[in-house]
């Protein structure tokens, strides 16, 4: 399971929000490139970037900060936020982004996602950000009438490289990841799922690791890495360890009584 450290960009700085509220931003680093270098030095293999301003405005806003990150590290980077057309997708991929994340446009123009997957195989992920089970769009400012699972199922045959599933009510709130909803989604899909939102401790990572067999291939973590609640070396060791298949009787110990 891959651990993706998150860099959320607002006004050029590396921040974390609480439940997607832009007025509740905590600045963790004014130099995103330096923060990316720190993550690389800690042994992470991927980086998760979000252009928060872009998500609200529907176009790239923090391009300079993204460029700073790309020039600072050589690890693969996935980027979401404000990517709403094929030209923007192509532009980011040409600049060095490994994988783009499409969110709002996945709800509003599913055919664009399919076309992007055809043009750029394995380089397109779909971000599904859910509030009470329904997909939110435009930087989480609006909630649609589309259910998270229904949206994910639309792209099962499109060639999407991953579904990034975020529980908005958990994001940045340090209340724990929604393991059950994430596992249920992953189990219903053949597309790999990346968990996001609410990871606050090693216990959350352990809980996700236990259900890795459902199809969860990664997890995104932000605030808990910045404030030291999760130790990078310990987390990476846990998630890279072999998967223990669940026992047929569903118990962790065959000798335990129900």
Protein backbone atom coordinates (compact mmCIF):
# COMPACT_ATOMS: atom_id res chain seq x y z
CA UNK A 1 0.00 0.00 0.00
CA UNK A 2 1.41 3.39 -1.03
CA UNK A 3 1.45 6.27 1.45
CA UNK A 4 0.95 9.60 -0.32
CA UNK A 5 2.02 12.66 1.67
CA UNK A 6 -0.25 15.57 0.78
CA UNK A 7 0.69 19.10 -0.14
CA UNK A 8 -2.39 21.31 -0.41
CA UNK A 9 -1.62 24.63 -2.09
CA UNK A 10 -3.39 27.86 -1.17
CA UNK A 11 -2.01 31.23 -2.25
CA UNK A 12 1.34 29.60 -3.00
CA UNK A 13 1.78 28.07 0.45
CA UNK A 14 1.48 24.54 1.81
CA UNK A 15 -1.63 24.42 4.00
CA UNK A 16 -4.19 22.09 5.52
CA UNK A 17 -7.89 22.80 5.70
CA UNK A 18 -10.55 21.49 8.06
CA UNK A 19 -13.37 19.78 6.13
CA UNK A 20 -12.46 21.76 3.02
CA UNK A 21 -13.19 25.19 4.53
CA UNK A 22 -10.85 27.70 2.88
CA UNK A 23 -11.14 30.11 5.82
CA UNK A 24 -9.83 27.42 8.16
CA UNK A 25 -6.39 27.03 6.62
CA UNK A 26 -3.29 26.31 8.66
CA UNK A 27 -0.04 27.19 6.90
CA UNK A 28 2.60 24.50 7.45
CA UNK A 29 5.24 25.66 5.00
CA UNK A 30 5.54 28.73 2.78
CA UNK A 31 7.90 26.82 0.46
CA UNK A 32 6.09 23.84 -1.13
CA UNK A 33 9.24 22.80 -2.96
CA UNK A 34 11.15 22.51 0.31
CA UNK A 35 8.29 20.54 1.83
CA UNK A 36 8.31 18.16 -1.12
CA UNK A 37 12.07 17.69 -0.68
CA UNK A 38 11.51 16.83 2.99
CA UNK A 39 8.99 14.17 2.04
CA UNK A 40 11.39 12.75 -0.56
CA UNK A 41 14.19 12.61 2.00
CA UNK A 42 11.88 10.75 4.39
CA UNK A 43 11.50 7.94 1.86
CA UNK A 44 8.09 8.56 0.33
CA UNK A 45 7.69 7.25 -3.22
CA UNK A 46 4.78 9.41 -4.41
CA UNK A 47 3.46 12.90 -3.73
CA UNK A 48 -0.15 14.11 -3.69
CA UNK A 49 -0.69 17.75 -4.71
CA UNK A 50 -3.91 19.78 -4.66
CA UNK A 51 -4.38 23.27 -6.08
CA UNK A 52 -7.04 24.45 -3.63
CA UNK A 53 -7.53 27.85 -5.26
CA UNK A 54 -7.78 26.11 -8.60
CA UNK A 55 -10.49 23.78 -7.34
CA UNK A 56 -12.67 26.77 -6.46
CA UNK A 57 -11.88 28.84 -9.54
CA UNK A 58 -12.01 26.01 -12.08
CA UNK A 59 -8.56 26.68 -13.51
CA UNK A 60 -4.93 26.27 -12.38
CA UNK A 61 -3.96 28.99 -9.91
CA UNK A 62 -0.91 27.70 -8.02
CA UNK A 63 1.12 26.80 -11.11
CA UNK A 64 4.29 28.46 -9.80
CA UNK A 65 4.13 26.47 -6.57
CA UNK A 66 3.55 23.24 -8.51
CA UNK A 67 6.54 24.03 -10.70
CA UNK A 68 8.58 24.58 -7.55
CA UNK A 69 7.65 21.13 -6.32
CA UNK A 70 8.44 19.47 -9.65
CA UNK A 71 11.85 21.12 -9.77
CA UNK A 72 12.65 20.01 -6.21
CA UNK A 73 11.92 16.28 -6.40
CA UNK A 74 12.15 13.44 -8.90
CA UNK A 75 9.43 11.22 -7.41
CA UNK A 76 6.11 10.85 -9.25
CA UNK A 77 3.50 13.49 -8.44
CA UNK A 78 -0.27 13.37 -8.79
CA UNK A 79 -2.16 16.66 -9.00
CA UNK A 80 -5.78 17.69 -8.62
CA UNK A 81 -7.67 20.97 -8.42
CA UNK A 82 -9.02 23.11 -11.25
CA UNK A 83 -8.33 20.60 -14.01
CA UNK A 84 -11.45 20.81 -16.16
CA UNK A 85 -10.41 20.34 -19.82
CA UNK A 86 -8.12 18.29 -22.04
CA UNK A 87 -5.75 21.19 -22.72
CA UNK A 88 -5.07 21.65 -19.00
CA UNK A 89 -4.58 17.91 -18.56
CA UNK A 90 -2.09 17.77 -21.42
CA UNK A 91 -0.29 20.87 -20.16
CA UNK A 92 0.25 19.46 -16.68
CA UNK A 93 1.41 16.09 -17.98
CA UNK A 94 3.89 17.80 -20.31
CA UNK A 95 5.22 19.86 -17.37
CA UNK A 96 6.08 16.69 -15.48
CA UNK A 97 2.99 15.72 -13.49
CA UNK A 98 2.74 11.92 -13.49
CA UNK A 99 -1.00 11.66 -12.96
CA UNK A 100 -3.83 14.19 -12.99
CA UNK A 101 -6.85 13.89 -10.72
CA UNK A 102 -10.23 14.82 -12.18
CA UNK A 103 -13.01 15.65 -9.73
CA UNK A 104 -15.69 18.17 -10.63
CA UNK A 105 -15.44 17.41 -14.34
CA UNK A 106 -16.00 13.71 -13.61
CA UNK A 107 -19.50 14.60 -12.44
CA UNK A 108 -20.25 17.21 -15.08
CA UNK A 109 -18.57 15.74 -18.16
CA UNK A 110 -17.87 12.00 -17.80
CA UNK A 111 -17.01 11.72 -21.50
CA UNK A 112 -14.08 14.10 -21.01
CA UNK A 113 -12.69 11.69 -18.41
CA UNK A 114 -13.04 8.81 -20.86
CA UNK A 115 -11.33 10.78 -23.62
CA UNK A 116 -8.50 11.75 -21.26
CA UNK A 117 -8.00 8.08 -20.34
CA UNK A 118 -7.84 7.17 -24.03
CA UNK A 119 -5.29 9.89 -24.78
CA UNK A 120 -3.20 9.46 -21.64
CA UNK A 121 -3.36 5.82 -20.52
CA UNK A 122 -2.59 5.18 -16.81
CA UNK A 123 -2.17 8.92 -16.16
CA UNK A 124 -5.70 9.86 -15.12
CA UNK A 125 -7.30 9.31 -11.71
CA UNK A 126 -10.78 10.31 -10.59
CA UNK A 127 -11.21 12.10 -7.29
CA UNK A 128 -14.49 11.34 -5.55
CA UNK A 129 -15.04 13.63 -2.60
CA UNK A 130 -18.16 12.64 -0.69
CA UNK A 131 -20.25 14.41 1.92
CA UNK A 132 -22.72 12.02 3.57
CA UNK A 133 -22.32 9.67 0.62
CA UNK A 134 -22.95 12.26 -2.10
CA UNK A 135 -20.28 13.72 -4.38
CA UNK A 136 -19.18 17.31 -3.74
CA UNK A 137 -17.84 19.54 -6.52
CA UNK A 138 -16.14 22.91 -7.08
CA UNK A 139 -13.69 22.62 -4.23
CA UNK A 140 -16.38 20.96 -2.08
CA UNK A 141 -18.42 24.17 -2.18
CA UNK A 142 -21.42 22.35 -3.66
CA UNK A 143 -22.87 18.88 -3.11
CA UNK A 144 -24.35 17.03 -6.08
CA UNK A 145 -27.15 14.46 -6.15
CA UNK A 146 -24.74 11.77 -7.39
CA UNK A 147 -23.77 8.99 -5.01
CA UNK A 148 -20.06 8.18 -4.68
CA UNK A 149 -20.43 4.53 -5.73
CA UNK A 150 -22.61 5.41 -8.72
CA UNK A 151 -19.98 7.86 -9.97
CA UNK A 152 -17.16 5.37 -9.51
CA UNK A 153 -19.05 2.69 -11.40
CA UNK A 154 -19.40 4.99 -14.42
CA UNK A 155 -15.66 4.76 -15.00
CA UNK A 156 -15.06 1.06 -14.40
CA UNK A 157 -14.38 0.45 -18.09
CA UNK A 158 -12.74 3.79 -18.85
CA UNK A 159 -9.15 2.96 -17.92
CA UNK A 160 -8.98 5.19 -14.83
CA UNK A 161 -5.78 4.40 -12.93
CA UNK A 162 -7.30 4.95 -9.48
CA UNK A 163 -10.28 6.31 -7.59
CA UNK A 164 -9.23 8.71 -4.83
CA UNK A 165 -12.00 8.61 -2.24
CA UNK A 166 -12.27 11.37 0.35
CA UNK A 167 -14.77 11.59 3.17
CA UNK A 168 -15.11 15.37 3.48
CA UNK A 169 -16.52 15.26 6.99
CA UNK A 170 -13.32 13.55 8.13
CA UNK A 171 -10.80 15.57 6.11
CA UNK A 172 -8.42 17.64 8.21
CA UNK A 173 -10.52 17.03 11.32
CA UNK A 174 -8.22 14.36 12.78
CA UNK A 175 -11.25 12.22 13.64
CA UNK A 176 -10.10 9.03 11.98
CA UNK A 177 -10.48 7.65 8.48
CA UNK A 178 -13.79 6.21 7.26
CA UNK A 179 -12.47 2.69 6.84
CA UNK A 180 -15.84 1.01 6.30
CA UNK A 181 -17.01 3.32 3.51
CA UNK A 182 -13.63 3.16 1.78
CA UNK A 183 -13.47 -0.63 1.95
CA UNK A 184 -17.06 -0.96 0.74
CA UNK A 185 -16.28 1.24 -2.26
CA UNK A 186 -13.07 -0.62 -3.07
CA UNK A 187 -14.79 -4.01 -2.78
CA UNK A 188 -17.47 -2.93 -5.28
CA UNK A 189 -14.92 -1.82 -7.89
CA UNK A 190 -12.17 -3.34 -9.98
CA UNK A 191 -10.45 0.06 -10.16
CA UNK A 192 -7.91 0.52 -7.32
CA UNK A 193 -8.96 2.90 -4.55
CA UNK A 194 -6.82 5.40 -2.66
CA UNK A 195 -8.17 6.39 0.77
CA UNK A 196 -8.17 10.02 1.86
CA UNK A 197 -9.57 12.15 4.66
CA UNK A 198 -9.23 11.85 8.42
CA UNK A 199 -6.03 9.82 8.76
CA UNK A 200 -4.83 10.90 12.20
CA UNK A 201 -2.79 8.05 13.69
CA UNK A 202 -0.98 4.79 13.08
CA UNK A 203 -4.19 3.05 14.17
CA UNK A 204 -5.93 4.46 11.09
CA UNK A 205 -3.20 3.12 8.84
CA UNK A 206 -3.36 -0.26 10.57
CA UNK A 207 -7.13 -0.38 10.05
CA UNK A 208 -6.75 0.37 6.35
CA UNK A 209 -3.97 -2.16 5.98
CA UNK A 210 -6.26 -4.85 7.37
CA UNK A 211 -8.75 -4.25 4.54
CA UNK A 212 -6.16 -3.78 1.80
CA UNK A 213 -7.49 -6.96 0.17
CA UNK A 214 -10.70 -5.12 -0.78
CA UNK A 215 -8.75 -3.13 -3.36
CA UNK A 216 -7.29 -0.23 -1.40
CA UNK A 217 -3.89 0.41 -2.94
CA UNK A 218 -2.92 3.60 -1.15
CA UNK A 219 -3.72 6.24 1.44
CA UNK A 220 -3.22 10.00 1.47
CA UNK A 221 -2.05 11.66 4.66
CA UNK A 222 -1.57 15.34 5.44
CA UNK A 223 -1.98 16.98 8.83
CA UNK A 224 -0.91 13.92 10.85
CA UNK A 225 2.46 13.94 9.06
CA UNK A 226 2.95 17.66 9.54
CA UNK A 227 2.22 17.68 13.26
CA UNK A 228 4.15 14.49 14.01
CA UNK A 229 1.26 12.19 14.94
CA UNK A 230 2.48 9.74 12.32
CA UNK A 231 6.14 8.84 12.01
CA UNK A 232 7.07 8.49 8.31
CA UNK A 233 9.49 5.57 8.75
CA UNK A 234 7.07 3.61 10.93
CA UNK A 235 4.15 4.27 8.59
CA UNK A 236 6.08 3.30 5.46
CA UNK A 237 7.26 0.08 7.11
CA UNK A 238 3.72 -0.84 8.10
CA UNK A 239 2.14 -0.20 4.72
CA UNK A 240 4.86 -1.96 2.76
CA UNK A 241 4.60 -5.13 4.84
CA UNK A 242 2.99 -8.26 3.31
CA UNK A 243 -0.79 -8.49 3.42
CA UNK A 244 -2.27 -11.01 5.84
CA UNK A 245 -5.30 -12.55 4.14
CA UNK A 246 -8.47 -12.53 6.23
CA UNK A 247 -9.40 -15.83 7.85
CA UNK A 248 -12.42 -17.59 6.42
CA UNK A 249 -14.34 -17.32 9.69
CA UNK A 250 -13.72 -13.57 9.75
CA UNK A 251 -11.87 -13.62 13.13
CA UNK A 252 -8.34 -12.45 13.68
CA UNK A 253 -7.61 -15.52 15.80
CA UNK A 254 -9.10 -18.90 14.98
CA UNK A 255 -9.03 -19.81 18.67
CA UNK A 256 -11.04 -16.84 19.86
CA UNK A 257 -14.64 -17.23 20.87
CA UNK A 258 -17.23 -15.04 19.23
